[in-house]
Structure formats: C-alpha cells, structure tokens
Amino acid sequence: MAELTVLHNTRCSTSRHALDAVADAGVDAEVVHYLKTPLDRAQLLDLIATLEDPPADLVSKDAFFAEQGLAADDITTAEQVADLLVQHPRLMQRPVLVRGDRAVIGRPKDRVAAFLAKGW
C-alpha cells in the first residue's frame, strides 16, 4: 500500500508539479485521477475531516463556480462542500495530498514539499 495518495488532475500544472515533487522525494504514492473516478460523498467527508485547511478551501472558486451561480456562503460546511463536489467534481481544488489521517491542498506549490517533509 502506498504511503501517500495524491488526488490529481492531469490538466493542472500545479498538480503535475506535486507529482514531480513526490517522485523527487522518493515517496511511494497512489495517484487518483479524481475526474475519472470521482470521490463519493462519504469519501469526500472523510477527506475533509483530515484536511488541514477549512472545508471551503477544497472548492476551486473559478469561472465555473461563478457560472453555477455559487457564492462562498453556499459552501460553509463540510456537508455543503461534499454535496457540491459530488455534483461537480471539477470544482475540487488540486492537488490534494493524503498521508494517514492528514491531508493538505497542494496550493501554493511549496505546501507539497512541506507536507512531504513532515513524514508522519
């Protein structure tokens, strides 16, 4: 079993940078292409519970977010975030690195190296 899981989007340069950093660190990682195999609500709630960041940070507030008529007030709880990401997986911030009972969003890029260095 891999010591690290990376929730990855191949079209995202920051996510690709995270995979490079993981490889450079020699860490065994499972890469989950979350757009091809989206997380279900229970998996998202588990992820949010381990996240070092506020739940709302897991949502990318990009143009698609605005096109859906969404606002920050719509995603203040873990349940709201999970429900939104089940409906629109493309709104998940990436990359997300998970190790044991801890997870971090790999933005900005320097957070990846810091998370890998902790080595839980």
Protein backbone atom coordinates (compact mmCIF):
# COMPACT_ATOMS: atom_id res chain seq x y z
CA MET A 1 0.00 0.00 0.00
CA ALA A 2 1.29 3.46 -0.91
CA GLU A 3 2.28 5.76 1.91
CA LEU A 4 0.72 8.75 0.16
CA THR A 5 -2.30 9.40 -2.04
CA VAL A 6 -2.39 12.28 -4.49
CA LEU A 7 -5.73 13.44 -5.84
CA HIS A 8 -4.60 14.58 -9.26
CA ASN A 9 -5.83 16.43 -12.32
CA THR A 10 -3.57 15.86 -15.33
CA ARG A 11 -4.57 19.19 -16.86
CA CYS A 12 -3.38 21.20 -13.86
CA SER A 13 0.26 22.35 -13.80
CA THR A 14 0.24 22.65 -10.01
CA SER A 15 -1.00 19.07 -9.74
CA ARG A 16 1.70 17.87 -12.15
CA HIS A 17 4.28 19.75 -10.07
CA ALA A 18 3.09 17.86 -6.98
CA LEU A 19 3.64 14.51 -8.72
CA ASP A 20 7.15 15.61 -9.71
CA ALA A 21 7.87 16.64 -6.10
CA VAL A 22 6.58 13.29 -4.82
CA ALA A 23 8.77 11.41 -7.30
CA ASP A 24 11.81 13.56 -6.45
CA ALA A 25 11.24 12.81 -2.75
CA GLY A 26 11.17 9.07 -3.50
CA VAL A 27 7.76 8.70 -1.86
CA ASP A 28 5.55 5.79 -2.90
CA ALA A 29 2.25 7.35 -3.98
CA GLU A 30 -1.09 6.22 -5.28
CA VAL A 31 -2.35 8.69 -7.87
CA VAL A 32 -6.11 9.10 -8.03
CA HIS A 33 -7.45 10.82 -11.13
CA TYR A 34 -10.49 12.21 -9.35
CA LEU A 35 -12.19 13.42 -12.53
CA LYS A 36 -12.13 9.87 -13.96
CA THR A 37 -13.02 8.21 -10.65
CA PRO A 38 -14.76 10.87 -8.54
CA LEU A 39 -14.94 10.53 -4.80
CA ASP A 40 -18.36 9.79 -3.36
CA ARG A 41 -19.94 11.84 -0.58
CA ALA A 42 -18.62 9.61 2.23
CA GLN A 43 -15.08 9.69 0.80
CA LEU A 44 -15.26 13.48 0.50
CA LEU A 45 -16.45 13.86 4.08
CA ASP A 46 -13.59 11.61 5.24
CA LEU A 47 -11.13 13.69 3.22
CA ILE A 48 -12.49 16.95 4.62
CA ALA A 49 -12.16 15.59 8.17
CA THR A 50 -8.43 15.05 7.63
CA LEU A 51 -7.80 18.28 5.75
CA GLU A 52 -5.52 20.82 7.39
CA ASP A 53 -7.46 23.53 5.55
CA PRO A 54 -11.02 24.81 6.04
CA PRO A 55 -13.59 22.73 4.09
CA ALA A 56 -14.42 25.60 1.72
CA ASP A 57 -10.79 25.70 0.58
CA LEU A 58 -11.34 22.34 -1.13
CA VAL A 59 -13.56 24.12 -3.67
CA SER A 60 -11.99 25.99 -6.55
CA LYS A 61 -13.76 29.32 -6.87
CA ASP A 62 -13.08 29.62 -10.59
CA ALA A 63 -15.21 30.78 -13.51
CA PHE A 64 -17.18 27.50 -13.49
CA PHE A 65 -18.02 28.09 -9.82
CA ALA A 66 -19.42 31.51 -10.71
CA GLU A 67 -21.25 30.13 -13.76
CA GLN A 68 -23.14 27.79 -11.43
CA GLY A 69 -24.42 30.83 -9.55
CA LEU A 70 -22.49 29.82 -6.43
CA ALA A 71 -21.13 32.05 -3.71
CA ALA A 72 -18.87 31.48 -0.71
CA ASP A 73 -21.95 31.35 1.54
CA ASP A 74 -23.07 28.20 -0.31
CA ILE A 75 -20.09 26.15 0.93
CA THR A 76 -19.54 26.93 4.59
CA THR A 77 -19.93 23.39 5.96
CA ALA A 78 -18.25 20.08 5.20
CA GLU A 79 -21.61 18.68 4.09
CA GLN A 80 -22.19 21.53 1.62
CA VAL A 81 -18.69 21.10 0.19
CA ALA A 82 -19.13 17.33 -0.18
CA ASP A 83 -22.53 17.73 -1.83
CA LEU A 84 -21.16 20.29 -4.29
CA LEU A 85 -18.11 18.19 -5.19
CA VAL A 86 -20.25 15.10 -5.76
CA GLN A 87 -22.29 17.14 -8.21
CA HIS A 88 -19.30 18.96 -9.77
CA PRO A 89 -16.00 17.07 -9.19
CA ARG A 90 -14.18 19.53 -11.44
CA LEU A 91 -14.55 22.15 -8.70
CA MET A 92 -12.25 20.24 -6.37
CA GLN A 93 -9.07 22.14 -5.64
CA ARG A 94 -5.98 20.24 -6.69
CA PRO A 95 -3.74 18.63 -5.93
CA VAL A 96 -4.69 17.12 -2.60
CA LEU A 97 -2.14 15.00 -0.77
CA VAL A 98 -3.27 12.48 1.82
CA ARG A 99 -0.99 10.64 4.23
CA GLY A 100 -2.51 8.66 7.08
CA ASP A 101 -5.02 10.83 8.89
CA ARG A 102 -3.77 14.11 7.41
CA ALA A 103 -4.41 15.87 4.12
CA VAL A 104 -3.35 19.13 2.55
CA ILE A 105 -4.22 21.08 -0.56
CA GLY A 106 -1.01 21.48 -2.56
CA ARG A 107 -1.52 25.18 -3.30
CA PRO A 108 0.66 27.10 -3.31
CA LYS A 109 3.24 24.67 -4.65
CA ASP A 110 5.58 24.99 -1.66
CA ARG A 111 2.97 23.30 0.55
CA VAL A 112 3.71 20.00 -1.21
CA ALA A 113 7.36 19.90 -0.16
CA ALA A 114 6.46 20.97 3.38
CA PHE A 115 3.84 18.21 3.65
CA LEU A 116 6.25 15.59 2.30
CA ALA A 117 8.97 16.72 4.70
CA LYS A 118 6.73 16.14 7.72
CA GLY A 119 6.86 12.41 7.05
CA TRP A 120 4.17 11.32 9.54
